[in-house]
Amino acid sequence: MPQKFGLYEDLTVMENLNLYADLRSVAGEIREKTFARLLEFTALGPFTGRLAGKLSGGMKQKLGLACTLVGEPKVLLLDEPGVGVDPISRRELWQMVHELAGDGMLIFMEHLLPG
């Protein structure tokens, strides 16, 4: 998942998810379950019709994570995932990352430490 958002801002949340599912050849019957799980996991369910460009920085980061997880990767590479988001969104993002790690996903993360 890149530090800068890899989203199409003129597409809705659901359209971005569908695009990434198309790119990863996720079959139609699996999409509904995958999308439902990811929308619940990221709390983006109420925003499926919103344009990605109209989302806050934290919501864009969550959508980027959801798009990354569409293909159910075994390894997740994160490039400074907390940069540019508010403290609450950053905490929520870390909670999601910890949950993914607890589920057995291998996570590599780059972040700059002060000093």
N, C-alpha and C. Protein backbone atom coordinates (compact mmCIF):
# COMPACT_ATOMS: atom_id res chain seq x y z
N MET A 1 0.86 -1.17 0.00
CA MET A 1 0.00 0.00 0.00
C MET A 1 0.90 1.23 0.00
N PRO A 2 0.79 2.10 -0.99
CA PRO A 2 1.68 3.26 -1.08
C PRO A 2 1.36 4.34 -0.06
N GLN A 3 2.36 5.17 0.25
CA GLN A 3 2.14 6.30 1.15
C GLN A 3 1.13 7.26 0.54
N LYS A 4 1.29 7.55 -0.73
CA LYS A 4 0.30 8.37 -1.44
C LYS A 4 -0.82 7.45 -1.88
N PHE A 5 -2.01 7.98 -1.90
CA PHE A 5 -3.18 7.17 -2.21
C PHE A 5 -3.16 6.70 -3.67
N GLY A 6 -3.37 5.42 -3.89
CA GLY A 6 -3.44 4.86 -5.23
C GLY A 6 -4.88 4.68 -5.65
N LEU A 7 -5.68 5.71 -5.43
CA LEU A 7 -7.12 5.62 -5.69
C LEU A 7 -7.50 6.48 -6.89
N TYR A 8 -8.61 6.13 -7.48
CA TYR A 8 -9.17 6.94 -8.56
C TYR A 8 -10.22 7.84 -7.93
N GLU A 9 -9.88 9.12 -7.80
CA GLU A 9 -10.72 10.05 -7.05
C GLU A 9 -12.04 10.35 -7.72
N ASP A 10 -12.15 10.09 -9.02
CA ASP A 10 -13.41 10.33 -9.72
C ASP A 10 -14.30 9.09 -9.72
N LEU A 11 -13.88 8.03 -9.01
CA LEU A 11 -14.70 6.83 -8.83
C LEU A 11 -15.18 6.77 -7.39
N THR A 12 -16.31 6.11 -7.17
CA THR A 12 -16.83 5.95 -5.82
C THR A 12 -16.01 4.89 -5.07
N VAL A 13 -16.28 4.79 -3.79
CA VAL A 13 -15.64 3.75 -2.97
C VAL A 13 -15.88 2.38 -3.60
N MET A 14 -17.13 2.07 -3.93
CA MET A 14 -17.45 0.76 -4.50
C MET A 14 -16.83 0.57 -5.88
N GLU A 15 -16.79 1.62 -6.67
CA GLU A 15 -16.17 1.51 -8.00
C GLU A 15 -14.67 1.25 -7.89
N ASN A 16 -14.01 1.87 -6.91
CA ASN A 16 -12.59 1.59 -6.68
C ASN A 16 -12.39 0.13 -6.28
N LEU A 17 -13.24 -0.37 -5.38
CA LEU A 17 -13.12 -1.78 -4.98
C LEU A 17 -13.34 -2.70 -6.17
N ASN A 18 -14.33 -2.40 -6.98
CA ASN A 18 -14.59 -3.24 -8.16
C ASN A 18 -13.42 -3.19 -9.15
N LEU A 19 -12.83 -2.02 -9.32
CA LEU A 19 -11.68 -1.90 -10.21
C LEU A 19 -10.53 -2.79 -9.74
N TYR A 20 -10.21 -2.70 -8.44
CA TYR A 20 -9.12 -3.51 -7.91
C TYR A 20 -9.46 -5.00 -7.97
N ALA A 21 -10.72 -5.34 -7.78
CA ALA A 21 -11.14 -6.75 -7.90
C ALA A 21 -10.98 -7.22 -9.34
N ASP A 22 -11.31 -6.35 -10.30
CA ASP A 22 -11.11 -6.69 -11.72
C ASP A 22 -9.62 -6.91 -12.01
N LEU A 23 -8.78 -6.02 -11.50
CA LEU A 23 -7.34 -6.13 -11.74
C LEU A 23 -6.75 -7.40 -11.16
N ARG A 24 -7.37 -7.89 -10.08
CA ARG A 24 -6.87 -9.11 -9.43
C ARG A 24 -7.70 -10.34 -9.81
N SER A 25 -8.58 -10.19 -10.79
CA SER A 25 -9.40 -11.30 -11.29
C SER A 25 -10.18 -12.00 -10.18
N VAL A 26 -10.76 -11.21 -9.28
CA VAL A 26 -11.58 -11.78 -8.21
C VAL A 26 -12.94 -12.12 -8.81
N ALA A 27 -13.34 -13.38 -8.68
CA ALA A 27 -14.59 -13.85 -9.27
C ALA A 27 -15.80 -13.17 -8.63
N GLY A 28 -16.84 -13.00 -9.43
CA GLY A 28 -18.04 -12.30 -8.99
C GLY A 28 -18.67 -12.85 -7.74
N GLU A 29 -18.73 -14.18 -7.61
CA GLU A 29 -19.38 -14.77 -6.43
C GLU A 29 -18.58 -14.53 -5.15
N ILE A 30 -17.29 -14.31 -5.29
CA ILE A 30 -16.45 -14.06 -4.11
C ILE A 30 -16.47 -12.57 -3.74
N ARG A 31 -16.71 -11.72 -4.72
CA ARG A 31 -16.66 -10.27 -4.49
C ARG A 31 -17.60 -9.81 -3.40
N GLU A 32 -18.85 -10.24 -3.45
CA GLU A 32 -19.83 -9.75 -2.47
C GLU A 32 -19.37 -10.02 -1.05
N LYS A 33 -18.92 -11.25 -0.78
CA LYS A 33 -18.46 -11.59 0.56
C LYS A 33 -17.20 -10.80 0.92
N THR A 34 -16.29 -10.70 -0.02
CA THR A 34 -15.05 -9.97 0.22
C THR A 34 -15.33 -8.50 0.49
N PHE A 35 -16.17 -7.89 -0.35
CA PHE A 35 -16.50 -6.47 -0.18
C PHE A 35 -17.21 -6.24 1.15
N ALA A 36 -18.16 -7.10 1.50
CA ALA A 36 -18.89 -6.94 2.76
C ALA A 36 -17.92 -6.99 3.94
N ARG A 37 -16.99 -7.94 3.91
CA ARG A 37 -16.00 -8.09 4.98
C ARG A 37 -15.10 -6.86 5.06
N LEU A 38 -14.61 -6.40 3.90
CA LEU A 38 -13.70 -5.25 3.89
C LEU A 38 -14.40 -3.95 4.27
N LEU A 39 -15.63 -3.77 3.83
CA LEU A 39 -16.37 -2.55 4.18
C LEU A 39 -16.67 -2.50 5.67
N GLU A 40 -16.93 -3.66 6.26
CA GLU A 40 -17.14 -3.71 7.71
C GLU A 40 -15.81 -3.47 8.44
N PHE A 41 -14.76 -4.13 7.98
CA PHE A 41 -13.44 -4.03 8.60
C PHE A 41 -12.94 -2.59 8.61
N THR A 42 -13.16 -1.86 7.53
CA THR A 42 -12.67 -0.48 7.41
C THR A 42 -13.71 0.57 7.81
N ALA A 43 -14.93 0.14 8.13
CA ALA A 43 -16.04 1.04 8.49
C ALA A 43 -16.41 1.98 7.34
N LEU A 44 -16.20 1.54 6.10
CA LEU A 44 -16.54 2.36 4.93
C LEU A 44 -17.91 2.02 4.35
N GLY A 45 -18.62 1.09 4.96
CA GLY A 45 -19.92 0.67 4.45
C GLY A 45 -20.88 1.80 4.13
N PRO A 46 -21.02 2.80 5.00
CA PRO A 46 -21.95 3.89 4.72
C PRO A 46 -21.50 4.83 3.59
N PHE A 47 -20.29 4.64 3.09
CA PHE A 47 -19.72 5.57 2.11
C PHE A 47 -19.49 4.96 0.74
N THR A 48 -20.13 3.85 0.44
CA THR A 48 -19.87 3.15 -0.83
C THR A 48 -20.18 3.99 -2.05
N GLY A 49 -21.11 4.93 -1.95
CA GLY A 49 -21.47 5.77 -3.08
C GLY A 49 -20.72 7.08 -3.16
N ARG A 50 -19.84 7.34 -2.20
CA ARG A 50 -19.10 8.60 -2.17
C ARG A 50 -17.87 8.52 -3.07
N LEU A 51 -17.60 9.61 -3.77
CA LEU A 51 -16.39 9.68 -4.60
C LEU A 51 -15.16 9.62 -3.70
N ALA A 52 -14.16 8.90 -4.12
CA ALA A 52 -12.93 8.78 -3.34
C ALA A 52 -12.30 10.16 -3.11
N GLY A 53 -12.43 11.05 -4.07
CA GLY A 53 -11.88 12.39 -3.94
C GLY A 53 -12.54 13.23 -2.87
N LYS A 54 -13.72 12.81 -2.42
CA LYS A 54 -14.46 13.54 -1.38
C LYS A 54 -14.25 12.94 0.00
N LEU A 55 -13.41 11.92 0.11
CA LEU A 55 -13.14 11.29 1.39
C LEU A 55 -12.05 12.05 2.14
N SER A 56 -12.07 11.96 3.47
CA SER A 56 -10.99 12.54 4.28
C SER A 56 -9.72 11.72 4.07
N GLY A 57 -8.60 12.25 4.53
CA GLY A 57 -7.33 11.54 4.40
C GLY A 57 -7.37 10.17 5.05
N GLY A 58 -7.96 10.08 6.24
CA GLY A 58 -8.05 8.80 6.93
C GLY A 58 -8.93 7.81 6.20
N MET A 59 -10.03 8.30 5.64
CA MET A 59 -10.92 7.42 4.90
C MET A 59 -10.27 6.95 3.60
N LYS A 60 -9.49 7.83 2.97
CA LYS A 60 -8.76 7.42 1.76
C LYS A 60 -7.76 6.32 2.10
N GLN A 61 -7.09 6.47 3.24
CA GLN A 61 -6.12 5.46 3.65
C GLN A 61 -6.82 4.12 3.90
N LYS A 62 -7.99 4.17 4.52
CA LYS A 62 -8.76 2.94 4.76
C LYS A 62 -9.20 2.32 3.44
N LEU A 63 -9.64 3.15 2.49
CA LEU A 63 -10.04 2.64 1.18
C LEU A 63 -8.84 2.04 0.47
N GLY A 64 -7.69 2.69 0.57
CA GLY A 64 -6.48 2.13 -0.03
C GLY A 64 -6.15 0.77 0.56
N LEU A 65 -6.32 0.63 1.87
CA LEU A 65 -6.08 -0.66 2.52
C LEU A 65 -7.09 -1.69 2.02
N ALA A 66 -8.36 -1.30 1.94
CA ALA A 66 -9.39 -2.23 1.45
C ALA A 66 -9.08 -2.68 0.03
N CYS A 67 -8.69 -1.75 -0.83
CA CYS A 67 -8.36 -2.10 -2.22
C CYS A 67 -7.16 -3.04 -2.27
N THR A 68 -6.20 -2.83 -1.39
CA THR A 68 -5.03 -3.71 -1.32
C THR A 68 -5.43 -5.11 -0.87
N LEU A 69 -6.39 -5.19 0.04
CA LEU A 69 -6.80 -6.48 0.60
C LEU A 69 -7.79 -7.25 -0.27
N VAL A 70 -8.29 -6.64 -1.33
CA VAL A 70 -9.27 -7.31 -2.19
C VAL A 70 -8.76 -8.66 -2.68
N GLY A 71 -7.51 -8.73 -3.04
CA GLY A 71 -6.95 -9.98 -3.57
C GLY A 71 -6.46 -10.93 -2.50
N GLU A 72 -6.73 -10.63 -1.23
CA GLU A 72 -6.33 -11.46 -0.09
C GLU A 72 -4.84 -11.81 -0.12
N PRO A 73 -3.99 -10.78 -0.10
CA PRO A 73 -2.54 -11.05 -0.12
C PRO A 73 -2.07 -11.71 1.17
N LYS A 74 -0.99 -12.43 1.08
CA LYS A 74 -0.41 -13.06 2.27
C LYS A 74 0.62 -12.13 2.92
N VAL A 75 1.12 -11.17 2.13
CA VAL A 75 2.11 -10.21 2.60
C VAL A 75 1.59 -8.82 2.29
N LEU A 76 1.75 -7.91 3.24
CA LEU A 76 1.31 -6.53 3.07
C LEU A 76 2.51 -5.61 3.27
N LEU A 77 2.78 -4.78 2.27
CA LEU A 77 3.86 -3.80 2.34
C LEU A 77 3.24 -2.42 2.55
N LEU A 78 3.59 -1.75 3.62
CA LEU A 78 3.03 -0.45 3.94
C LEU A 78 4.12 0.60 3.94
N ASP A 79 3.91 1.69 3.21
CA ASP A 79 4.86 2.79 3.15
C ASP A 79 4.31 3.96 3.94
N GLU A 80 4.77 4.11 5.16
CA GLU A 80 4.34 5.19 6.04
C GLU A 80 2.82 5.36 6.04
N PRO A 81 2.09 4.35 6.48
CA PRO A 81 0.62 4.41 6.39
C PRO A 81 -0.03 5.48 7.26
N GLY A 82 0.66 5.96 8.29
CA GLY A 82 0.05 6.95 9.16
C GLY A 82 0.31 8.39 8.77
N VAL A 83 1.06 8.62 7.70
CA VAL A 83 1.39 9.98 7.29
C VAL A 83 0.18 10.65 6.65
N GLY A 84 -0.07 11.87 7.06
CA GLY A 84 -1.12 12.67 6.43
C GLY A 84 -2.53 12.37 6.90
N VAL A 85 -2.67 11.61 7.99
CA VAL A 85 -4.01 11.35 8.52
C VAL A 85 -4.08 11.85 9.96
N ASP A 86 -5.29 12.13 10.40
CA ASP A 86 -5.49 12.64 11.75
C ASP A 86 -5.20 11.54 12.78
N PRO A 87 -4.96 11.93 14.05
CA PRO A 87 -4.59 10.94 15.07
C PRO A 87 -5.62 9.83 15.27
N ILE A 88 -6.88 10.13 15.19
CA ILE A 88 -7.91 9.10 15.38
C ILE A 88 -7.86 8.10 14.23
N SER A 89 -7.79 8.59 13.01
CA SER A 89 -7.69 7.69 11.85
C SER A 89 -6.41 6.88 11.90
N ARG A 90 -5.33 7.49 12.36
CA ARG A 90 -4.06 6.77 12.47
C ARG A 90 -4.19 5.62 13.47
N ARG A 91 -4.84 5.88 14.61
CA ARG A 91 -5.04 4.83 15.61
C ARG A 91 -5.91 3.71 15.04
N GLU A 92 -6.97 4.07 14.33
CA GLU A 92 -7.83 3.05 13.71
C GLU A 92 -7.05 2.22 12.69
N LEU A 93 -6.21 2.88 11.92
CA LEU A 93 -5.40 2.17 10.93
C LEU A 93 -4.45 1.19 11.61
N TRP A 94 -3.81 1.63 12.71
CA TRP A 94 -2.90 0.73 13.43
C TRP A 94 -3.66 -0.46 14.00
N GLN A 95 -4.88 -0.22 14.48
CA GLN A 95 -5.69 -1.33 15.00
C GLN A 95 -5.97 -2.34 13.90
N MET A 96 -6.27 -1.86 12.69
CA MET A 96 -6.52 -2.76 11.57
C MET A 96 -5.26 -3.55 11.22
N VAL A 97 -4.11 -2.87 11.22
CA VAL A 97 -2.85 -3.54 10.90
C VAL A 97 -2.56 -4.62 11.94
N HIS A 98 -2.77 -4.30 13.22
CA HIS A 98 -2.54 -5.29 14.28
C HIS A 98 -3.48 -6.48 14.13
N GLU A 99 -4.72 -6.22 13.76
CA GLU A 99 -5.67 -7.32 13.55
C GLU A 99 -5.23 -8.20 12.39
N LEU A 100 -4.79 -7.60 11.30
CA LEU A 100 -4.31 -8.37 10.16
C LEU A 100 -3.10 -9.22 10.55
N ALA A 101 -2.18 -8.63 11.32
CA ALA A 101 -1.00 -9.38 11.77
C ALA A 101 -1.43 -10.53 12.68
N GLY A 102 -2.41 -10.28 13.54
CA GLY A 102 -2.92 -11.32 14.42
C GLY A 102 -3.57 -12.46 13.67
N ASP A 103 -4.09 -12.16 12.48
CA ASP A 103 -4.70 -13.18 11.64
C ASP A 103 -3.67 -13.93 10.80
N GLY A 104 -2.39 -13.59 10.98
CA GLY A 104 -1.33 -14.32 10.30
C GLY A 104 -0.75 -13.66 9.06
N MET A 105 -1.19 -12.44 8.75
CA MET A 105 -0.63 -11.75 7.58
C MET A 105 0.76 -11.23 7.92
N LEU A 106 1.69 -11.42 7.01
CA LEU A 106 3.04 -10.90 7.17
C LEU A 106 3.03 -9.44 6.72
N ILE A 107 3.48 -8.55 7.60
CA ILE A 107 3.40 -7.11 7.32
C ILE A 107 4.79 -6.50 7.41
N PHE A 108 5.18 -5.80 6.34
CA PHE A 108 6.40 -5.01 6.32
C PHE A 108 5.98 -3.55 6.26
N MET A 109 6.58 -2.75 7.13
CA MET A 109 6.16 -1.36 7.20
C MET A 109 7.38 -0.45 7.27
N GLU A 110 7.33 0.63 6.50
CA GLU A 110 8.37 1.64 6.59
C GLU A 110 7.77 2.87 7.23
N HIS A 111 8.50 3.43 8.17
CA HIS A 111 8.10 4.71 8.74
C HIS A 111 9.33 5.40 9.29
N LEU A 112 9.30 6.70 9.22
CA LEU A 112 10.42 7.50 9.72
C LEU A 112 10.16 7.85 11.17
N LEU A 113 11.17 7.66 11.98
CA LEU A 113 11.05 8.02 13.38
C LEU A 113 11.69 9.39 13.60
N PRO A 114 11.09 10.20 14.47
CA PRO A 114 11.66 11.52 14.72
C PRO A 114 13.03 11.40 15.38
N GLY A 115 13.88 12.39 15.08
CA GLY A 115 15.17 12.47 15.74
C GLY A 115 16.21 11.98 14.89
